[in-house]
Amino acid sequence: MRDVTYSKPKSEPNTVPLGAKLTDNEITNGLAFKLVTSSQHCTKGKADAVRNDAGKMWIEFFLEWAMFGGTLKTIMRKRGWIKVPPYYFPPGFMNK
């Protein structure tokens, strides 16, 4: 069996090239995407729950994610990290 208590090697995070590591913008948008997916799973779990105590657990999970999502959205707005998709113009709309 291998000993896992050995010391870790010294590393310099600033020596990693810029193209190899994620930016703060990419990390927070990925986190926001996972947040939306997790909240969808929580609501699906609540809808599928037969027992009241299991449904209550799913609601508590969802509320935790909602509070975290509100905080994350505030931080993303403050730092300009929110990705806004381009506006949709139906075909022929610009000609009117």
N, C-alpha and C. Protein backbone atom coordinates (compact mmCIF):
# COMPACT_ATOMS: atom_id res chain seq x y z
N MET A 1 0.85 -1.17 0.00
CA MET A 1 0.00 0.00 0.00
C MET A 1 0.90 1.24 0.00
N ARG A 2 0.46 2.25 -0.71
CA ARG A 2 1.23 3.47 -0.84
C ARG A 2 0.94 4.45 0.28
N ASP A 3 1.95 5.12 0.74
CA ASP A 3 1.77 6.12 1.78
C ASP A 3 1.28 7.42 1.15
N VAL A 4 0.14 7.92 1.58
CA VAL A 4 -0.44 9.11 0.98
C VAL A 4 -0.12 10.37 1.79
N THR A 5 0.71 10.25 2.80
CA THR A 5 1.00 11.41 3.65
C THR A 5 2.27 12.15 3.24
N TYR A 6 2.86 11.80 2.10
CA TYR A 6 4.08 12.48 1.68
C TYR A 6 3.77 13.93 1.31
N SER A 7 4.79 14.77 1.36
CA SER A 7 4.58 16.20 1.08
C SER A 7 4.36 16.44 -0.41
N LYS A 8 3.59 17.44 -0.69
CA LYS A 8 3.28 17.78 -2.09
C LYS A 8 4.44 18.59 -2.68
N PRO A 9 4.66 18.46 -4.00
CA PRO A 9 5.74 19.24 -4.61
C PRO A 9 5.36 20.72 -4.69
N LYS A 10 6.36 21.57 -4.71
CA LYS A 10 6.14 23.02 -4.85
C LYS A 10 5.67 23.31 -6.28
N SER A 11 4.72 24.19 -6.42
CA SER A 11 4.22 24.54 -7.75
C SER A 11 3.99 26.04 -7.81
N GLU A 12 4.06 26.56 -9.00
CA GLU A 12 3.82 27.98 -9.25
C GLU A 12 2.60 28.12 -10.16
N PRO A 13 1.45 28.55 -9.64
CA PRO A 13 0.27 28.68 -10.49
C PRO A 13 0.42 29.75 -11.56
N ASN A 14 1.28 30.71 -11.36
CA ASN A 14 1.45 31.78 -12.35
C ASN A 14 2.26 31.34 -13.57
N THR A 15 2.91 30.17 -13.50
CA THR A 15 3.68 29.70 -14.64
C THR A 15 2.84 28.92 -15.64
N VAL A 16 1.58 28.67 -15.32
CA VAL A 16 0.69 27.97 -16.24
C VAL A 16 0.31 28.93 -17.36
N PRO A 17 0.43 28.52 -18.63
CA PRO A 17 0.09 29.44 -19.73
C PRO A 17 -1.38 29.83 -19.71
N LEU A 18 -1.68 31.02 -20.20
CA LEU A 18 -3.04 31.55 -20.15
C LEU A 18 -4.04 30.69 -20.89
N GLY A 19 -3.67 30.06 -21.98
CA GLY A 19 -4.61 29.23 -22.73
C GLY A 19 -4.93 27.91 -22.05
N ALA A 20 -4.15 27.52 -21.05
CA ALA A 20 -4.33 26.22 -20.40
C ALA A 20 -5.21 26.28 -19.17
N LYS A 21 -5.42 27.46 -18.60
CA LYS A 21 -6.25 27.55 -17.40
C LYS A 21 -7.50 28.37 -17.69
N LEU A 22 -8.55 28.08 -16.94
CA LEU A 22 -9.83 28.77 -17.13
C LEU A 22 -9.78 30.16 -16.50
N THR A 23 -10.46 31.09 -17.13
CA THR A 23 -10.57 32.43 -16.56
C THR A 23 -11.69 32.43 -15.51
N ASP A 24 -11.73 33.47 -14.69
CA ASP A 24 -12.79 33.59 -13.69
C ASP A 24 -14.16 33.65 -14.37
N ASN A 25 -14.22 34.30 -15.50
CA ASN A 25 -15.46 34.41 -16.27
C ASN A 25 -15.96 33.02 -16.68
N GLU A 26 -15.07 32.19 -17.21
CA GLU A 26 -15.46 30.84 -17.65
C GLU A 26 -15.87 29.97 -16.46
N ILE A 27 -15.18 30.11 -15.35
CA ILE A 27 -15.51 29.31 -14.16
C ILE A 27 -16.89 29.68 -13.64
N THR A 28 -17.18 30.98 -13.52
CA THR A 28 -18.49 31.37 -12.97
C THR A 28 -19.64 31.04 -13.91
N ASN A 29 -19.43 31.15 -15.22
CA ASN A 29 -20.50 30.77 -16.15
C ASN A 29 -20.73 29.27 -16.15
N GLY A 30 -19.68 28.48 -16.00
CA GLY A 30 -19.84 27.03 -15.86
C GLY A 30 -20.57 26.68 -14.57
N LEU A 31 -20.25 27.40 -13.50
CA LEU A 31 -20.92 27.18 -12.22
C LEU A 31 -22.39 27.56 -12.31
N ALA A 32 -22.69 28.65 -13.00
CA ALA A 32 -24.09 29.06 -13.16
C ALA A 32 -24.87 28.02 -13.97
N PHE A 33 -24.23 27.45 -15.00
CA PHE A 33 -24.89 26.41 -15.78
C PHE A 33 -25.18 25.18 -14.91
N LYS A 34 -24.23 24.78 -14.10
CA LYS A 34 -24.45 23.64 -13.20
C LYS A 34 -25.51 23.96 -12.17
N LEU A 35 -25.59 25.21 -11.75
CA LEU A 35 -26.60 25.64 -10.80
C LEU A 35 -28.00 25.49 -11.37
N VAL A 36 -28.19 25.89 -12.62
CA VAL A 36 -29.49 25.76 -13.28
C VAL A 36 -29.85 24.29 -13.43
N THR A 37 -28.90 23.48 -13.85
CA THR A 37 -29.15 22.04 -14.02
C THR A 37 -29.51 21.40 -12.69
N SER A 38 -28.80 21.76 -11.63
CA SER A 38 -29.09 21.19 -10.31
C SER A 38 -30.46 21.60 -9.81
N SER A 39 -30.84 22.84 -10.06
CA SER A 39 -32.16 23.27 -9.60
C SER A 39 -33.27 22.54 -10.36
N GLN A 40 -33.03 22.24 -11.64
CA GLN A 40 -34.00 21.46 -12.39
C GLN A 40 -34.13 20.05 -11.82
N HIS A 41 -33.01 19.47 -11.43
CA HIS A 41 -33.05 18.13 -10.82
C HIS A 41 -33.77 18.16 -9.47
N CYS A 42 -33.58 19.24 -8.71
CA CYS A 42 -34.27 19.36 -7.43
C CYS A 42 -35.79 19.43 -7.62
N THR A 43 -36.23 20.22 -8.58
CA THR A 43 -37.67 20.32 -8.80
C THR A 43 -38.24 19.02 -9.35
N LYS A 44 -37.47 18.31 -10.18
CA LYS A 44 -37.92 17.01 -10.67
C LYS A 44 -38.01 16.02 -9.52
N GLY A 45 -37.02 16.06 -8.61
CA GLY A 45 -37.07 15.18 -7.44
C GLY A 45 -38.27 15.47 -6.57
N LYS A 46 -38.59 16.75 -6.39
CA LYS A 46 -39.77 17.12 -5.60
C LYS A 46 -41.05 16.63 -6.27
N ALA A 47 -41.12 16.78 -7.59
CA ALA A 47 -42.32 16.36 -8.30
C ALA A 47 -42.50 14.84 -8.25
N ASP A 48 -41.39 14.10 -8.24
CA ASP A 48 -41.47 12.64 -8.22
C ASP A 48 -41.56 12.06 -6.82
N ALA A 49 -41.35 12.87 -5.79
CA ALA A 49 -41.35 12.36 -4.41
C ALA A 49 -42.75 11.93 -4.01
N VAL A 50 -42.83 10.75 -3.45
CA VAL A 50 -44.11 10.22 -2.97
C VAL A 50 -44.29 10.56 -1.49
N ARG A 51 -43.21 10.48 -0.76
CA ARG A 51 -43.27 10.77 0.68
C ARG A 51 -43.08 12.25 0.93
N ASN A 52 -43.76 12.78 1.94
CA ASN A 52 -43.66 14.20 2.28
C ASN A 52 -42.27 14.57 2.78
N ASP A 53 -41.64 13.70 3.58
CA ASP A 53 -40.32 14.04 4.11
C ASP A 53 -39.27 14.09 3.00
N ALA A 54 -39.39 13.23 2.01
CA ALA A 54 -38.45 13.27 0.88
C ALA A 54 -38.69 14.52 0.03
N GLY A 55 -39.95 14.88 -0.16
CA GLY A 55 -40.27 16.11 -0.89
C GLY A 55 -39.75 17.34 -0.17
N LYS A 56 -39.82 17.34 1.15
CA LYS A 56 -39.31 18.46 1.94
C LYS A 56 -37.80 18.58 1.78
N MET A 57 -37.10 17.46 1.72
CA MET A 57 -35.65 17.49 1.51
C MET A 57 -35.31 18.14 0.17
N TRP A 58 -36.06 17.78 -0.89
CA TRP A 58 -35.81 18.35 -2.21
C TRP A 58 -36.06 19.85 -2.22
N ILE A 59 -37.09 20.30 -1.51
CA ILE A 59 -37.38 21.72 -1.41
C ILE A 59 -36.24 22.45 -0.69
N GLU A 60 -35.71 21.83 0.37
CA GLU A 60 -34.59 22.45 1.09
C GLU A 60 -33.35 22.54 0.19
N PHE A 61 -33.09 21.50 -0.59
CA PHE A 61 -31.97 21.55 -1.53
C PHE A 61 -32.16 22.69 -2.53
N PHE A 62 -33.38 22.80 -3.04
CA PHE A 62 -33.67 23.84 -4.02
C PHE A 62 -33.49 25.23 -3.42
N LEU A 63 -33.94 25.43 -2.20
CA LEU A 63 -33.82 26.74 -1.56
C LEU A 63 -32.36 27.11 -1.33
N GLU A 64 -31.53 26.12 -0.97
CA GLU A 64 -30.10 26.38 -0.82
C GLU A 64 -29.49 26.82 -2.14
N TRP A 65 -29.86 26.12 -3.22
CA TRP A 65 -29.33 26.47 -4.55
C TRP A 65 -29.83 27.83 -4.97
N ALA A 66 -31.09 28.16 -4.64
CA ALA A 66 -31.64 29.46 -5.03
C ALA A 66 -30.92 30.59 -4.30
N MET A 67 -30.63 30.41 -3.02
CA MET A 67 -29.90 31.43 -2.28
C MET A 67 -28.48 31.60 -2.83
N PHE A 68 -27.84 30.49 -3.13
CA PHE A 68 -26.49 30.55 -3.71
C PHE A 68 -26.53 31.20 -5.08
N GLY A 69 -27.57 30.88 -5.87
CA GLY A 69 -27.71 31.46 -7.20
C GLY A 69 -27.91 32.96 -7.16
N GLY A 70 -28.66 33.45 -6.19
CA GLY A 70 -28.85 34.89 -6.05
C GLY A 70 -27.55 35.60 -5.73
N THR A 71 -26.76 35.01 -4.86
CA THR A 71 -25.45 35.58 -4.53
C THR A 71 -24.53 35.55 -5.74
N LEU A 72 -24.51 34.42 -6.45
CA LEU A 72 -23.65 34.29 -7.62
C LEU A 72 -24.04 35.30 -8.71
N LYS A 73 -25.33 35.49 -8.91
CA LYS A 73 -25.78 36.44 -9.93
C LYS A 73 -25.38 37.86 -9.58
N THR A 74 -25.46 38.21 -8.31
CA THR A 74 -25.03 39.54 -7.87
C THR A 74 -23.55 39.76 -8.14
N ILE A 75 -22.74 38.77 -7.82
CA ILE A 75 -21.29 38.87 -8.04
C ILE A 75 -20.99 38.94 -9.53
N MET A 76 -21.68 38.12 -10.33
CA MET A 76 -21.43 38.11 -11.77
C MET A 76 -21.82 39.44 -12.41
N ARG A 77 -22.90 40.05 -11.96
CA ARG A 77 -23.29 41.36 -12.50
C ARG A 77 -22.27 42.43 -12.11
N LYS A 78 -21.82 42.37 -10.86
CA LYS A 78 -20.87 43.37 -10.36
C LYS A 78 -19.56 43.33 -11.15
N ARG A 79 -19.14 42.15 -11.53
CA ARG A 79 -17.85 42.00 -12.22
C ARG A 79 -17.98 41.90 -13.73
N GLY A 80 -19.20 41.93 -14.26
CA GLY A 80 -19.41 41.91 -15.70
C GLY A 80 -19.20 40.55 -16.33
N TRP A 81 -19.50 39.48 -15.60
CA TRP A 81 -19.25 38.12 -16.09
C TRP A 81 -20.49 37.45 -16.67
N ILE A 82 -21.64 38.10 -16.62
CA ILE A 82 -22.86 37.46 -17.12
C ILE A 82 -22.83 37.44 -18.65
N LYS A 83 -23.06 36.27 -19.21
CA LYS A 83 -23.11 36.12 -20.66
C LYS A 83 -24.55 36.34 -21.11
N VAL A 84 -24.76 37.32 -21.95
CA VAL A 84 -26.09 37.62 -22.47
C VAL A 84 -26.13 37.15 -23.92
N PRO A 85 -27.07 36.28 -24.26
CA PRO A 85 -27.15 35.82 -25.65
C PRO A 85 -27.58 36.96 -26.56
N PRO A 86 -27.28 36.86 -27.83
CA PRO A 86 -27.69 37.93 -28.76
C PRO A 86 -29.21 37.96 -28.89
N TYR A 87 -29.73 39.14 -29.19
CA TYR A 87 -31.17 39.30 -29.35
C TYR A 87 -31.65 38.52 -30.57
N TYR A 88 -32.88 38.05 -30.49
CA TYR A 88 -33.47 37.31 -31.60
C TYR A 88 -34.37 38.25 -32.39
N PHE A 89 -34.11 38.34 -33.66
CA PHE A 89 -34.97 39.10 -34.57
C PHE A 89 -35.54 38.11 -35.58
N PRO A 90 -36.87 37.96 -35.62
CA PRO A 90 -37.46 37.03 -36.58
C PRO A 90 -37.14 37.44 -38.02
N PRO A 91 -37.17 36.48 -38.92
CA PRO A 91 -36.90 36.82 -40.33
C PRO A 91 -37.85 37.89 -40.83
N GLY A 92 -37.33 38.91 -41.52
CA GLY A 92 -38.14 39.99 -42.05
C GLY A 92 -38.40 41.11 -41.07
N PHE A 93 -37.98 40.97 -39.82
CA PHE A 93 -38.24 41.99 -38.81
C PHE A 93 -37.46 43.27 -39.09
N MET A 94 -36.22 43.13 -39.54
CA MET A 94 -35.37 44.29 -39.77
C MET A 94 -35.84 45.10 -40.98
N ASN A 95 -36.61 44.51 -41.89
CA ASN A 95 -37.08 45.22 -43.07
C ASN A 95 -38.27 46.13 -42.76
N LYS A 96 -38.92 45.95 -41.62
CA LYS A 96 -40.12 46.73 -41.29
C LYS A 96 -39.74 48.05 -40.69
